[in-house]
N, C-alpha and C. Protein backbone atom coordinates (compact mmCIF):
# COMPACT_ATOMS: atom_id res chain seq x y z
N MET A 1 -28.19 -15.57 38.54
CA MET A 1 -26.80 -14.73 38.81
C MET A 1 -25.91 -15.21 37.88
N GLN A 2 -25.24 -14.33 37.19
CA GLN A 2 -24.02 -14.52 36.34
C GLN A 2 -22.84 -14.05 36.96
N TYR A 3 -21.71 -14.87 36.69
CA TYR A 3 -20.36 -14.54 37.23
C TYR A 3 -19.40 -14.35 36.04
N THR A 4 -18.39 -13.57 36.34
CA THR A 4 -17.52 -13.30 35.25
C THR A 4 -15.91 -13.35 35.62
N ALA A 5 -15.08 -13.60 34.61
CA ALA A 5 -13.66 -13.51 34.86
C ALA A 5 -13.05 -13.14 33.65
N LYS A 6 -11.80 -12.72 33.60
CA LYS A 6 -11.17 -12.27 32.44
C LYS A 6 -10.08 -13.31 32.03
N TYR A 7 -9.85 -13.45 30.74
CA TYR A 7 -8.77 -14.38 30.20
C TYR A 7 -8.08 -13.72 29.30
N ALA A 8 -6.62 -13.69 29.55
CA ALA A 8 -5.69 -13.08 28.56
C ALA A 8 -5.31 -14.02 27.45
N SER A 9 -5.83 -13.67 26.21
CA SER A 9 -5.63 -14.46 25.01
C SER A 9 -4.62 -14.02 24.31
N PRO A 10 -4.01 -14.62 23.30
CA PRO A 10 -3.01 -14.08 22.23
C PRO A 10 -3.67 -12.92 21.37
N LEU A 11 -5.03 -12.93 21.37
CA LEU A 11 -5.86 -11.89 20.50
C LEU A 11 -6.55 -10.90 21.39
N GLY A 12 -6.01 -10.83 22.63
CA GLY A 12 -6.48 -9.70 23.53
C GLY A 12 -7.40 -10.36 24.62
N GLU A 13 -7.89 -9.41 25.43
CA GLU A 13 -8.54 -9.93 26.64
C GLU A 13 -9.93 -10.40 26.17
N ILE A 14 -10.28 -11.53 26.99
CA ILE A 14 -11.71 -12.17 26.80
C ILE A 14 -12.44 -12.03 28.15
N LEU A 15 -13.63 -11.81 28.03
CA LEU A 15 -14.48 -11.80 29.20
C LEU A 15 -15.30 -13.04 29.15
N LEU A 16 -15.08 -13.91 30.25
CA LEU A 16 -15.83 -15.16 30.39
C LEU A 16 -16.95 -14.95 31.31
N ALA A 17 -18.19 -15.40 31.11
CA ALA A 17 -19.34 -15.33 32.00
C ALA A 17 -20.01 -16.81 32.19
N SER A 18 -20.59 -17.01 33.37
CA SER A 18 -21.24 -18.21 33.53
C SER A 18 -22.37 -18.03 34.57
N ASP A 19 -23.19 -18.98 34.56
CA ASP A 19 -24.19 -19.14 35.71
C ASP A 19 -24.03 -20.42 36.33
N ASP A 20 -24.97 -20.83 37.14
CA ASP A 20 -24.77 -22.11 38.00
C ASP A 20 -24.90 -23.35 36.90
N GLU A 21 -25.49 -23.12 35.71
CA GLU A 21 -25.59 -24.09 34.72
C GLU A 21 -24.52 -24.28 33.75
N GLY A 22 -23.77 -23.22 33.41
CA GLY A 22 -22.62 -23.41 32.53
C GLY A 22 -22.16 -21.98 31.99
N LEU A 23 -21.21 -22.15 31.04
CA LEU A 23 -20.76 -20.91 30.49
C LEU A 23 -21.82 -20.16 29.59
N THR A 24 -21.97 -18.96 29.80
CA THR A 24 -23.01 -18.10 29.17
C THR A 24 -22.52 -17.10 28.23
N GLY A 25 -21.23 -16.78 28.14
CA GLY A 25 -20.55 -15.80 27.38
C GLY A 25 -19.04 -15.91 27.29
N LEU A 26 -18.52 -15.68 26.12
CA LEU A 26 -17.08 -15.56 25.85
C LEU A 26 -16.95 -14.47 24.65
N TRP A 27 -16.55 -13.36 25.22
CA TRP A 27 -16.41 -12.16 24.34
C TRP A 27 -14.94 -11.58 24.29
N PHE A 28 -14.62 -11.21 23.00
CA PHE A 28 -13.42 -10.49 22.92
C PHE A 28 -13.56 -9.09 23.22
N ASP A 29 -12.65 -8.45 23.88
CA ASP A 29 -12.78 -7.07 24.19
C ASP A 29 -13.07 -6.19 22.88
N LYS A 30 -14.12 -5.30 23.07
CA LYS A 30 -14.51 -4.38 22.00
C LYS A 30 -15.23 -5.11 20.81
N GLU A 31 -15.61 -6.31 21.01
CA GLU A 31 -16.22 -7.02 19.90
C GLU A 31 -17.71 -6.40 19.76
N LYS A 32 -18.21 -6.70 18.60
CA LYS A 32 -19.41 -6.12 18.06
C LYS A 32 -20.65 -6.27 19.11
N TYR A 33 -20.91 -7.36 19.64
CA TYR A 33 -22.05 -7.56 20.56
C TYR A 33 -21.40 -7.95 22.01
N TYR A 34 -20.31 -7.06 22.39
CA TYR A 34 -19.67 -7.49 23.66
C TYR A 34 -20.69 -7.53 24.85
N ALA A 35 -20.67 -8.51 25.56
CA ALA A 35 -21.47 -8.84 26.74
C ALA A 35 -23.01 -8.34 26.68
N LEU A 36 -23.49 -8.67 25.39
CA LEU A 36 -24.85 -8.25 25.02
C LEU A 36 -25.90 -8.68 26.09
N HIS A 37 -25.92 -9.97 26.49
CA HIS A 37 -26.81 -10.56 27.37
C HIS A 37 -26.38 -10.91 28.88
N LEU A 38 -25.32 -10.01 29.22
CA LEU A 38 -24.63 -10.16 30.56
C LEU A 38 -25.53 -9.54 31.50
N ASP A 39 -25.99 -10.30 32.68
CA ASP A 39 -26.65 -9.78 33.58
C ASP A 39 -26.03 -8.59 34.21
N PRO A 40 -26.67 -7.40 34.41
CA PRO A 40 -26.00 -6.20 34.87
C PRO A 40 -25.58 -6.32 36.37
N GLU A 41 -26.17 -7.33 37.00
CA GLU A 41 -25.84 -7.59 38.38
C GLU A 41 -24.75 -8.77 38.53
N HIS A 42 -23.92 -9.02 37.54
CA HIS A 42 -22.97 -10.09 37.55
C HIS A 42 -21.83 -9.82 38.57
N THR A 43 -21.26 -10.91 39.04
CA THR A 43 -20.23 -10.77 40.17
C THR A 43 -19.02 -11.55 39.60
N PRO A 44 -17.74 -10.84 39.85
CA PRO A 44 -16.51 -11.61 39.49
C PRO A 44 -16.39 -12.95 40.42
N LYS A 45 -16.34 -14.08 39.76
CA LYS A 45 -16.01 -15.25 40.48
C LYS A 45 -15.52 -16.25 39.51
N GLU A 46 -14.76 -17.25 40.02
CA GLU A 46 -14.04 -18.28 39.21
C GLU A 46 -14.99 -19.42 39.49
N THR A 47 -15.91 -19.68 38.66
CA THR A 47 -16.88 -20.89 38.74
C THR A 47 -16.31 -22.04 38.09
N PRO A 48 -16.83 -23.29 38.38
CA PRO A 48 -16.25 -24.54 37.67
C PRO A 48 -16.37 -24.26 36.20
N ALA A 49 -17.36 -23.85 35.60
CA ALA A 49 -17.59 -23.65 34.19
C ALA A 49 -16.51 -22.68 33.64
N ILE A 50 -16.21 -21.63 34.37
CA ILE A 50 -15.16 -20.60 34.05
C ILE A 50 -13.74 -21.38 34.09
N ARG A 51 -13.57 -22.16 35.19
CA ARG A 51 -12.30 -22.81 35.17
C ARG A 51 -12.14 -23.78 34.02
N GLN A 52 -13.15 -24.53 33.64
CA GLN A 52 -13.04 -25.44 32.51
C GLN A 52 -12.89 -24.68 31.28
N ALA A 53 -13.61 -23.50 31.07
CA ALA A 53 -13.29 -22.77 29.79
C ALA A 53 -11.95 -22.24 29.72
N ARG A 54 -11.34 -21.84 30.97
CA ARG A 54 -9.86 -21.51 30.81
C ARG A 54 -8.97 -22.64 30.38
N ALA A 55 -9.27 -23.83 30.93
CA ALA A 55 -8.42 -25.00 30.51
C ALA A 55 -8.53 -25.34 29.07
N TRP A 56 -9.81 -25.13 28.66
CA TRP A 56 -10.15 -25.27 27.17
C TRP A 56 -9.33 -24.28 26.37
N LEU A 57 -9.36 -23.09 26.66
CA LEU A 57 -8.78 -22.06 25.91
C LEU A 57 -7.28 -22.15 26.00
N ASP A 58 -6.71 -22.57 27.08
CA ASP A 58 -5.34 -22.86 27.19
C ASP A 58 -4.84 -23.84 26.19
N LEU A 59 -5.59 -24.88 26.04
CA LEU A 59 -5.27 -26.00 25.16
C LEU A 59 -5.39 -25.41 23.63
N TYR A 60 -6.49 -24.77 23.46
CA TYR A 60 -6.78 -24.35 22.10
C TYR A 60 -5.75 -23.32 21.62
N PHE A 61 -5.41 -22.26 22.56
CA PHE A 61 -4.39 -21.39 22.02
C PHE A 61 -2.92 -21.86 22.01
N ALA A 62 -2.74 -23.09 22.55
CA ALA A 62 -1.60 -23.86 22.43
C ALA A 62 -1.40 -24.56 21.12
N GLY A 63 -2.52 -24.43 20.33
CA GLY A 63 -2.59 -25.20 19.04
C GLY A 63 -3.01 -26.54 19.08
N LYS A 64 -3.63 -26.92 20.07
CA LYS A 64 -4.09 -28.25 20.34
C LYS A 64 -5.72 -28.39 20.34
N GLU A 65 -6.33 -29.38 19.78
CA GLU A 65 -7.73 -29.54 19.76
C GLU A 65 -8.20 -30.02 21.08
N PRO A 66 -8.91 -29.06 21.86
CA PRO A 66 -9.42 -29.68 23.22
C PRO A 66 -10.31 -30.91 23.00
N ASP A 67 -10.16 -31.89 24.01
CA ASP A 67 -10.91 -33.08 23.67
C ASP A 67 -12.13 -33.21 24.71
N PHE A 68 -12.55 -32.02 25.15
CA PHE A 68 -13.66 -31.72 26.07
C PHE A 68 -14.29 -30.66 25.87
N LEU A 69 -15.61 -30.52 26.35
CA LEU A 69 -16.40 -29.12 26.16
C LEU A 69 -16.75 -28.72 27.49
N PRO A 70 -16.52 -27.46 27.86
CA PRO A 70 -16.95 -26.99 29.26
C PRO A 70 -18.50 -26.88 29.09
N PRO A 71 -19.09 -27.09 30.46
CA PRO A 71 -20.60 -26.83 30.42
C PRO A 71 -21.10 -25.48 29.86
N ILE A 72 -22.00 -25.55 29.07
CA ILE A 72 -22.43 -24.45 28.28
C ILE A 72 -23.99 -24.28 28.49
N HIS A 73 -24.27 -22.94 28.77
CA HIS A 73 -25.72 -22.60 28.90
C HIS A 73 -26.02 -21.48 27.81
N MET A 74 -26.46 -21.99 26.80
CA MET A 74 -26.91 -21.06 25.67
C MET A 74 -28.06 -20.11 26.03
N ILE A 75 -27.89 -18.79 25.86
CA ILE A 75 -29.03 -17.93 26.06
C ILE A 75 -29.41 -17.17 24.82
N GLY A 76 -30.52 -17.63 24.21
CA GLY A 76 -31.00 -17.08 22.87
C GLY A 76 -32.27 -17.63 22.57
N THR A 77 -32.69 -17.35 21.40
CA THR A 77 -34.04 -17.82 20.76
C THR A 77 -33.85 -19.34 20.60
N PRO A 78 -34.89 -19.97 20.36
CA PRO A 78 -34.94 -21.51 20.01
C PRO A 78 -34.10 -21.55 18.59
N PHE A 79 -34.37 -20.61 17.70
CA PHE A 79 -33.71 -20.64 16.35
C PHE A 79 -32.23 -20.58 16.54
N GLN A 80 -31.82 -19.53 17.28
CA GLN A 80 -30.43 -19.26 17.60
C GLN A 80 -29.72 -20.43 18.21
N LYS A 81 -30.34 -21.11 19.10
CA LYS A 81 -29.72 -22.18 19.90
C LYS A 81 -29.68 -23.50 18.91
N ASP A 82 -30.66 -23.67 17.89
CA ASP A 82 -30.54 -24.63 16.94
C ASP A 82 -29.30 -24.37 16.07
N VAL A 83 -29.11 -23.10 15.61
CA VAL A 83 -27.89 -22.80 14.82
C VAL A 83 -26.70 -23.02 15.55
N TRP A 84 -26.61 -22.74 16.89
CA TRP A 84 -25.33 -22.87 17.69
C TRP A 84 -25.14 -24.36 17.93
N ARG A 85 -26.18 -25.09 17.98
CA ARG A 85 -25.86 -26.56 18.20
C ARG A 85 -25.13 -27.09 16.84
N ILE A 86 -25.47 -26.58 15.71
CA ILE A 86 -24.96 -27.02 14.54
C ILE A 86 -23.47 -26.61 14.46
N LEU A 87 -23.29 -25.37 14.91
CA LEU A 87 -21.90 -24.91 14.96
C LEU A 87 -20.98 -25.85 15.63
N LEU A 88 -21.47 -26.34 16.87
CA LEU A 88 -20.75 -27.15 17.73
C LEU A 88 -20.26 -28.51 16.97
N GLN A 89 -20.90 -28.83 15.89
CA GLN A 89 -20.73 -30.02 15.05
C GLN A 89 -19.68 -29.77 13.97
N ILE A 90 -19.23 -28.57 13.79
CA ILE A 90 -18.24 -28.35 12.76
C ILE A 90 -16.92 -28.72 13.27
N PRO A 91 -16.35 -29.65 12.74
CA PRO A 91 -14.91 -30.22 13.25
C PRO A 91 -13.90 -29.16 13.26
N TYR A 92 -13.08 -29.18 14.36
CA TYR A 92 -11.78 -28.51 14.28
C TYR A 92 -11.00 -28.49 13.06
N GLY A 93 -10.57 -27.43 12.71
CA GLY A 93 -9.88 -27.35 11.38
C GLY A 93 -10.72 -27.32 10.15
N LYS A 94 -12.01 -27.30 10.20
CA LYS A 94 -12.81 -27.45 9.03
C LYS A 94 -13.75 -26.15 9.07
N THR A 95 -14.32 -25.82 7.95
CA THR A 95 -15.27 -24.84 7.86
C THR A 95 -16.64 -25.30 7.28
N ALA A 96 -17.70 -24.55 7.42
CA ALA A 96 -19.01 -24.67 6.78
C ALA A 96 -19.53 -23.43 6.27
N THR A 97 -20.38 -23.35 5.32
CA THR A 97 -20.95 -22.17 4.79
C THR A 97 -22.26 -21.84 5.51
N TYR A 98 -22.71 -20.69 5.51
CA TYR A 98 -24.02 -20.33 5.97
C TYR A 98 -24.99 -21.10 5.31
N GLY A 99 -24.93 -21.39 4.04
CA GLY A 99 -25.88 -22.23 3.29
C GLY A 99 -26.02 -23.67 3.66
N ASP A 100 -24.79 -24.24 4.02
CA ASP A 100 -24.64 -25.66 4.59
C ASP A 100 -25.47 -25.63 5.86
N ILE A 101 -25.30 -24.63 6.72
CA ILE A 101 -26.04 -24.63 8.04
C ILE A 101 -27.49 -24.60 7.79
N ALA A 102 -27.85 -23.59 6.91
CA ALA A 102 -29.33 -23.36 6.53
C ALA A 102 -29.99 -24.78 6.03
N LYS A 103 -29.33 -25.41 5.17
CA LYS A 103 -29.86 -26.77 4.61
C LYS A 103 -29.92 -27.74 5.72
N ARG A 104 -29.01 -27.81 6.72
CA ARG A 104 -29.12 -28.81 7.77
C ARG A 104 -30.25 -28.43 8.72
N LEU A 105 -30.28 -27.13 9.04
CA LEU A 105 -31.48 -26.70 9.95
C LEU A 105 -32.81 -26.93 9.10
N ALA A 106 -32.94 -26.71 7.95
CA ALA A 106 -34.32 -26.95 7.26
C ALA A 106 -34.49 -28.36 7.27
N ALA A 107 -33.68 -29.22 7.03
CA ALA A 107 -33.80 -30.66 7.11
C ALA A 107 -34.22 -31.01 8.48
N GLN A 108 -33.60 -30.49 9.56
CA GLN A 108 -34.06 -30.83 10.96
C GLN A 108 -35.31 -30.47 11.28
N ARG A 109 -35.83 -29.39 10.62
CA ARG A 109 -37.24 -28.72 10.92
C ARG A 109 -38.34 -29.22 9.84
N GLY A 110 -37.91 -30.09 8.97
CA GLY A 110 -38.74 -30.53 7.88
C GLY A 110 -39.20 -29.55 6.90
N LEU A 111 -38.32 -28.60 6.57
CA LEU A 111 -38.73 -27.49 5.66
C LEU A 111 -38.00 -27.70 4.41
N ALA A 112 -38.44 -27.18 3.28
CA ALA A 112 -37.82 -27.31 1.90
C ALA A 112 -36.59 -26.52 1.86
N ARG A 113 -36.65 -25.24 2.66
CA ARG A 113 -35.34 -24.47 2.66
C ARG A 113 -35.32 -23.45 3.74
N MET A 114 -34.29 -22.87 4.06
CA MET A 114 -34.05 -22.00 5.29
C MET A 114 -33.15 -20.94 4.73
N SER A 115 -33.34 -19.68 5.15
CA SER A 115 -32.54 -18.48 4.79
C SER A 115 -31.14 -18.62 5.30
N ALA A 116 -30.24 -18.55 4.46
CA ALA A 116 -28.84 -18.48 5.00
C ALA A 116 -28.50 -17.11 5.67
N GLN A 117 -29.20 -16.07 5.29
CA GLN A 117 -29.15 -14.73 5.94
C GLN A 117 -29.61 -14.91 7.39
N ALA A 118 -30.70 -15.57 7.64
CA ALA A 118 -31.20 -15.84 9.00
C ALA A 118 -30.21 -16.58 9.86
N VAL A 119 -29.58 -17.60 9.17
CA VAL A 119 -28.62 -18.30 9.90
C VAL A 119 -27.39 -17.32 10.15
N GLY A 120 -27.03 -16.51 9.32
CA GLY A 120 -25.90 -15.50 9.39
C GLY A 120 -26.19 -14.80 10.62
N GLY A 121 -27.50 -14.29 10.91
CA GLY A 121 -27.82 -13.49 12.06
C GLY A 121 -27.53 -14.09 13.18
N ALA A 122 -28.06 -15.49 13.24
CA ALA A 122 -27.79 -16.28 14.47
C ALA A 122 -26.39 -16.62 14.82
N VAL A 123 -25.51 -16.85 13.79
CA VAL A 123 -24.20 -17.02 13.92
C VAL A 123 -23.57 -15.93 14.45
N GLY A 124 -23.81 -14.70 13.98
CA GLY A 124 -23.22 -13.44 14.44
C GLY A 124 -23.61 -13.10 15.89
N HIS A 125 -24.73 -13.64 16.37
CA HIS A 125 -25.01 -13.23 17.77
C HIS A 125 -24.60 -14.38 18.80
N ASN A 126 -23.86 -15.30 18.35
CA ASN A 126 -23.33 -16.40 19.06
C ASN A 126 -22.57 -15.71 20.37
N GLU A 127 -23.02 -15.97 21.55
CA GLU A 127 -22.52 -15.39 22.77
C GLU A 127 -21.22 -16.08 23.37
N ILE A 128 -20.96 -17.21 22.83
CA ILE A 128 -19.79 -18.03 23.38
C ILE A 128 -18.88 -18.33 22.23
N SER A 129 -18.25 -17.37 21.68
CA SER A 129 -17.45 -17.42 20.62
C SER A 129 -16.10 -18.38 20.86
N ILE A 130 -15.62 -18.88 19.88
CA ILE A 130 -14.44 -19.89 19.75
C ILE A 130 -14.82 -21.14 20.33
N ILE A 131 -15.56 -21.36 21.54
CA ILE A 131 -15.84 -22.68 21.97
C ILE A 131 -17.04 -23.13 21.14
N ILE A 132 -18.11 -22.17 20.87
CA ILE A 132 -19.17 -22.55 19.81
C ILE A 132 -18.47 -21.79 18.71
N PRO A 133 -17.97 -22.53 17.82
CA PRO A 133 -17.04 -22.05 16.67
C PRO A 133 -17.69 -21.25 15.57
N CYS A 134 -18.23 -20.12 15.87
CA CYS A 134 -18.70 -19.32 14.65
C CYS A 134 -17.65 -18.86 13.69
N HIS A 135 -16.45 -18.96 14.18
CA HIS A 135 -15.42 -18.50 13.23
C HIS A 135 -15.18 -19.46 12.10
N ARG A 136 -15.76 -20.75 12.17
CA ARG A 136 -15.62 -21.64 11.25
C ARG A 136 -16.70 -21.56 10.03
N VAL A 137 -17.47 -20.54 10.04
CA VAL A 137 -18.49 -20.31 9.15
C VAL A 137 -17.98 -19.31 8.26
N VAL A 138 -18.05 -19.56 6.80
CA VAL A 138 -17.60 -18.67 5.83
C VAL A 138 -18.66 -18.66 4.65
N GLY A 139 -18.67 -17.57 4.03
CA GLY A 139 -19.50 -17.54 2.81
C GLY A 139 -19.42 -18.49 1.76
N LYS A 140 -20.35 -18.74 0.90
CA LYS A 140 -20.44 -19.89 -0.14
C LYS A 140 -19.12 -19.62 -1.01
N SER A 141 -18.76 -18.43 -1.35
CA SER A 141 -17.72 -18.21 -2.27
C SER A 141 -16.34 -18.22 -1.61
N GLY A 142 -16.29 -18.34 -0.22
CA GLY A 142 -15.13 -18.41 0.48
C GLY A 142 -14.82 -16.98 1.13
N SER A 143 -15.94 -16.21 1.08
CA SER A 143 -15.65 -14.88 1.82
C SER A 143 -15.69 -14.98 3.32
N LEU A 144 -14.83 -14.23 3.89
CA LEU A 144 -14.70 -14.24 5.44
C LEU A 144 -15.49 -12.98 5.97
N THR A 145 -16.68 -13.17 6.38
CA THR A 145 -17.52 -12.16 6.72
C THR A 145 -18.23 -12.54 7.92
N GLY A 146 -18.73 -11.51 8.65
CA GLY A 146 -19.77 -11.82 9.76
C GLY A 146 -19.09 -12.10 11.08
N TYR A 147 -17.89 -11.95 11.32
CA TYR A 147 -17.35 -12.33 12.67
C TYR A 147 -17.35 -11.23 13.53
N ALA A 148 -18.20 -11.18 14.69
CA ALA A 148 -18.40 -10.16 15.54
C ALA A 148 -17.03 -9.86 16.43
N GLY A 149 -16.32 -10.72 16.51
CA GLY A 149 -14.78 -10.53 17.03
C GLY A 149 -13.74 -9.87 16.23
N GLY A 150 -14.12 -9.68 14.96
CA GLY A 150 -13.24 -8.92 14.03
C GLY A 150 -12.65 -9.93 13.15
N ILE A 151 -12.52 -9.49 11.79
CA ILE A 151 -12.01 -10.37 10.80
C ILE A 151 -10.59 -10.85 10.97
N ASP A 152 -9.81 -10.06 11.53
CA ASP A 152 -8.42 -10.50 11.83
C ASP A 152 -8.30 -11.64 12.82
N ARG A 153 -9.19 -11.57 13.76
CA ARG A 153 -9.28 -12.70 14.71
C ARG A 153 -9.82 -13.89 14.06
N LYS A 154 -10.73 -13.83 13.24
CA LYS A 154 -11.38 -14.92 12.54
C LYS A 154 -10.21 -15.68 11.76
N ILE A 155 -9.41 -14.73 10.99
CA ILE A 155 -8.30 -15.44 10.09
C ILE A 155 -7.27 -16.14 11.16
N TYR A 156 -7.04 -15.46 12.12
CA TYR A 156 -6.01 -16.10 13.25
C TYR A 156 -6.52 -17.49 13.69
N LEU A 157 -7.75 -17.51 14.04
CA LEU A 157 -8.43 -18.74 14.68
C LEU A 157 -8.36 -19.78 13.53
N LEU A 158 -8.74 -19.51 12.30
CA LEU A 158 -8.79 -20.52 11.23
C LEU A 158 -7.41 -21.04 10.94
N LYS A 159 -6.41 -20.15 10.98
CA LYS A 159 -5.00 -20.49 10.68
C LYS A 159 -4.59 -21.36 11.79
N LEU A 160 -4.86 -20.95 13.16
CA LEU A 160 -4.39 -21.77 14.29
C LEU A 160 -4.87 -23.15 14.27
N GLU A 161 -6.17 -23.29 13.71
CA GLU A 161 -6.70 -24.74 13.47
C GLU A 161 -6.21 -25.50 12.32
N GLY A 162 -5.68 -24.76 11.39
CA GLY A 162 -5.23 -25.35 10.12
C GLY A 162 -6.42 -25.42 9.11
N GLY A 163 -7.50 -24.65 9.30
CA GLY A 163 -8.54 -24.60 8.51
C GLY A 163 -8.67 -23.42 7.53
N TYR A 164 -7.59 -22.66 7.47
CA TYR A 164 -7.58 -21.37 6.58
C TYR A 164 -7.12 -21.87 5.26
N LYS A 165 -7.96 -21.29 4.24
CA LYS A 165 -7.62 -21.63 2.85
C LYS A 165 -7.11 -20.37 2.13
N GLU A 166 -6.17 -20.57 1.17
CA GLU A 166 -5.76 -19.40 0.67
C GLU A 166 -6.86 -18.81 -0.37
N THR A 167 -7.81 -19.55 -0.69
CA THR A 167 -8.92 -19.02 -1.48
C THR A 167 -9.90 -18.14 -0.72
N TYR A 168 -9.81 -18.11 0.62
CA TYR A 168 -10.65 -17.27 1.46
C TYR A 168 -10.21 -15.72 1.09
N PHE A 169 -11.15 -14.79 1.21
CA PHE A 169 -10.99 -13.55 1.06
C PHE A 169 -12.02 -12.57 1.91
N VAL A 170 -11.66 -11.45 2.02
CA VAL A 170 -12.49 -10.44 2.84
C VAL A 170 -13.25 -9.55 1.80
N PRO A 171 -14.48 -9.71 1.71
CA PRO A 171 -15.11 -8.97 0.68
C PRO A 171 -15.07 -7.39 0.89
N LYS A 172 -15.26 -6.63 -0.20
CA LYS A 172 -15.14 -5.18 -0.06
C LYS A 172 -16.25 -4.64 0.87
N HIS A 173 -17.26 -5.34 0.86
CA HIS A 173 -18.42 -4.80 1.69
C HIS A 173 -18.77 -5.68 2.80
N SER A 174 -17.71 -6.12 3.64
CA SER A 174 -17.93 -7.09 4.65
C SER A 174 -18.77 -6.55 5.76
N THR A 175 -19.52 -7.46 6.38
CA THR A 175 -20.33 -7.23 7.57
C THR A 175 -19.47 -7.38 8.96
N ALA A 176 -18.23 -7.86 8.62
CA ALA A 176 -17.31 -8.16 9.93
C ALA A 176 -16.67 -6.71 10.25
N PRO A 177 -16.42 -6.55 11.62
CA PRO A 177 -15.90 -5.26 12.00
C PRO A 177 -14.50 -5.22 11.83
């Protein structure tokens, strides 16, 4: 069973979801994959994981780096979960490229290489945005692309963390909404 609650952020309403294990979703209103894996039988309820996610978000949107992680229950393929675990290792205020993540994942799996595009697909389907920081992933050339929550939100989040660089740009044919 999944439970939900809403959170009012400076970037619009966020839907939080959890089960008994941890946070299962954090979606901006109208984002590309909004509530994609949310159980249709979910119930509004303030769970411990949702309360901790609220506290984390309060600190984060106040411009502070949270020093804890709410309990998380990733729902996805083994590949996606591996990518999302790498995202959790990108430090606050820093960025990584899709290629960087592909190299790390290839090394973890004992492979010569891994597709940056496959990594991009997994990053884009992250169900717990912000807390699992997919906004910290940029293209090799500094392109800001692929954020399901919207490119304006990605820029805001990077600036909030102090990780935005003036060399970043939005490509003409972006995959970001």
